[in-house]
Amino acid sequence: MAKASNKRKFPRFPINFVLFPVLINAPGLTDLTLDPHDISMGGFKVLLPEEPVVGSTFTSTIELRGKIYNECKVRVAWTHKNNTQPPTWSTGLALLVPDPRKEEFEGRLTQVLTDIGKTPDGAASSNGD
């Protein structure tokens, strides 16, 4: 795996689910509801029980602090096998929000990051990782 940080467009922030509730449902990727370990303006880092295929894309539903965004796409940007038993994979999911709701989602994400004392650098975009 190439170092994802070398290609990162946006800073990544570790998140606390209590302060920053985000849930991702991505059938086809996993049957689990995912709560990200960190977040950027372009995507999420999640923990998966099985290794996904880098580059694969899945339709997802994302709940961001109580607001639900349907028909979003997540693309597997990178994976890293963790040294756990059973094995798990840290996985970067690039987020692709459909245009009609993209601006609203990015505004809400920016506001939530600001609320928890984080300031996203650069312009908001939902096509990175």
Protein backbone atom coordinates (compact mmCIF):
# COMPACT_ATOMS: atom_id res chain seq x y z
CA MET A 1 0.00 0.00 0.00
CA ALA A 2 1.26 3.44 -0.90
CA LYS A 3 1.20 5.97 1.89
CA ALA A 4 -2.18 7.65 1.65
CA SER A 5 -0.94 10.72 3.53
CA ASN A 6 1.31 11.61 0.57
CA LYS A 7 -1.78 12.05 -1.64
CA ARG A 8 -4.14 13.59 0.93
CA LYS A 9 -6.04 16.67 -0.24
CA PHE A 10 -7.66 17.47 3.11
CA PRO A 11 -6.51 17.10 6.71
CA ARG A 12 -7.84 14.06 8.54
CA PHE A 13 -9.37 14.46 12.00
CA PRO A 14 -9.80 11.66 14.54
CA ILE A 15 -13.38 11.66 15.73
CA ASN A 16 -15.22 10.76 18.89
CA PHE A 17 -18.59 9.22 18.02
CA VAL A 18 -20.29 10.90 20.98
CA LEU A 19 -19.25 14.38 19.79
CA PHE A 20 -19.41 13.63 16.09
CA PRO A 21 -21.97 10.95 15.29
CA VAL A 22 -21.46 9.59 11.78
CA LEU A 23 -22.86 6.26 10.60
CA ILE A 24 -22.28 4.66 7.22
CA ASN A 25 -24.33 1.85 5.71
CA ALA A 26 -22.73 0.42 2.58
CA PRO A 27 -24.35 -2.90 1.65
CA GLY A 28 -22.04 -4.84 -0.61
CA LEU A 29 -19.00 -3.51 1.24
CA THR A 30 -20.17 -4.85 4.61
CA ASP A 31 -23.38 -5.70 6.42
CA LEU A 32 -22.10 -3.77 9.45
CA THR A 33 -23.06 -0.18 10.20
CA LEU A 34 -19.74 1.64 10.20
CA ASP A 35 -18.68 4.41 12.56
CA PRO A 36 -15.56 6.10 11.16
CA HIS A 37 -12.34 6.39 13.17
CA ASP A 38 -11.45 9.64 11.45
CA ILE A 39 -12.82 11.98 8.84
CA SER A 40 -11.72 14.48 6.23
CA MET A 41 -13.67 16.62 3.78
CA GLY A 42 -13.07 13.89 1.21
CA GLY A 43 -13.83 10.72 3.13
CA PHE A 44 -13.58 8.46 6.13
CA LYS A 45 -11.33 5.84 7.69
CA VAL A 46 -13.21 2.77 8.85
CA LEU A 47 -12.35 -0.65 10.26
CA LEU A 48 -13.56 -3.68 8.27
CA PRO A 49 -13.56 -7.39 9.14
CA GLU A 50 -12.68 -8.40 5.56
CA GLU A 51 -10.31 -6.88 3.02
CA PRO A 52 -12.15 -4.84 0.37
CA VAL A 53 -10.94 -4.38 -3.21
CA VAL A 54 -9.19 -1.04 -3.68
CA GLY A 55 -11.04 0.99 -6.31
CA SER A 56 -14.40 -0.72 -5.76
CA THR A 57 -17.41 1.57 -5.36
CA PHE A 58 -20.54 1.04 -3.28
CA THR A 59 -23.82 2.89 -2.84
CA SER A 60 -24.17 4.03 0.74
CA THR A 61 -26.32 5.93 3.18
CA ILE A 62 -24.52 8.33 5.49
CA GLU A 63 -26.01 9.76 8.66
CA LEU A 64 -24.21 12.91 9.75
CA ARG A 65 -25.34 14.18 13.14
CA GLY A 66 -28.92 13.05 12.63
CA LYS A 67 -29.29 14.06 8.95
CA ILE A 68 -29.47 11.17 6.46
CA TYR A 69 -27.88 11.37 3.00
CA ASN A 70 -29.03 8.57 0.68
CA GLU A 71 -27.51 7.40 -2.58
CA CYS A 72 -23.97 8.49 -1.72
CA LYS A 73 -21.08 6.56 -3.21
CA VAL A 74 -18.01 5.43 -1.33
CA ARG A 75 -14.90 4.25 -3.16
CA VAL A 76 -12.27 2.12 -1.45
CA ALA A 77 -9.19 4.36 -1.69
CA TRP A 78 -6.73 2.24 0.33
CA THR A 79 -6.49 -0.62 2.82
CA HIS A 80 -4.06 -1.64 5.53
CA LYS A 81 -4.15 -5.04 7.26
CA ASN A 82 -4.00 -4.68 11.03
CA ASN A 83 -2.08 -7.11 13.21
CA THR A 84 -5.15 -8.36 15.10
CA GLN A 85 -6.84 -11.68 15.68
CA PRO A 86 -9.08 -12.06 13.81
CA PRO A 87 -7.54 -9.79 11.14
CA THR A 88 -9.12 -6.42 10.42
CA TRP A 89 -8.45 -3.85 7.72
CA SER A 90 -8.18 -0.11 8.21
CA THR A 91 -9.79 1.25 5.07
CA GLY A 92 -9.97 4.69 3.50
CA LEU A 93 -13.31 5.45 1.87
CA ALA A 94 -13.46 8.33 -0.60
CA LEU A 95 -16.86 9.99 -0.42
CA LEU A 96 -18.87 10.94 -3.49
CA VAL A 97 -22.05 12.82 -2.53
CA PRO A 98 -24.53 13.37 -5.39
CA ASP A 99 -24.63 16.95 -6.68
CA PRO A 100 -28.11 17.94 -5.50
CA ARG A 101 -27.02 17.45 -1.85
CA LYS A 102 -23.25 17.85 -2.11
CA GLU A 103 -23.14 21.51 -1.04
CA GLU A 104 -25.50 20.90 1.89
CA PHE A 105 -23.48 17.88 3.06
CA GLU A 106 -20.17 19.75 2.85
CA GLY A 107 -21.64 22.73 4.71
CA ARG A 108 -22.96 20.46 7.46
CA LEU A 109 -19.64 18.60 7.70
CA THR A 110 -17.72 21.88 7.90
CA GLN A 111 -20.06 23.12 10.64
CA VAL A 112 -19.69 19.90 12.65
CA LEU A 113 -15.89 20.06 12.36
CA THR A 114 -15.99 23.70 13.48
CA ASP A 115 -18.28 22.78 16.40
CA ILE A 116 -15.71 20.31 17.71
CA GLY A 117 -12.83 22.75 17.32
CA LYS A 118 -11.45 21.52 13.99
CA THR A 119 -11.00 23.74 10.96
CA PRO A 120 -10.91 22.01 7.58
CA ASP A 121 -8.26 23.49 5.28
CA GLY A 122 -8.91 24.13 1.62
CA ALA A 123 -12.17 24.24 -0.23
CA ALA A 124 -14.74 21.58 0.56
CA SER A 125 -14.91 18.72 -1.90
CA SER A 126 -16.40 15.25 -1.91
CA ASN A 127 -14.13 13.59 -4.44
CA GLY A 128 -10.96 12.92 -2.43
CA ASP A 129 -10.30 10.60 0.45
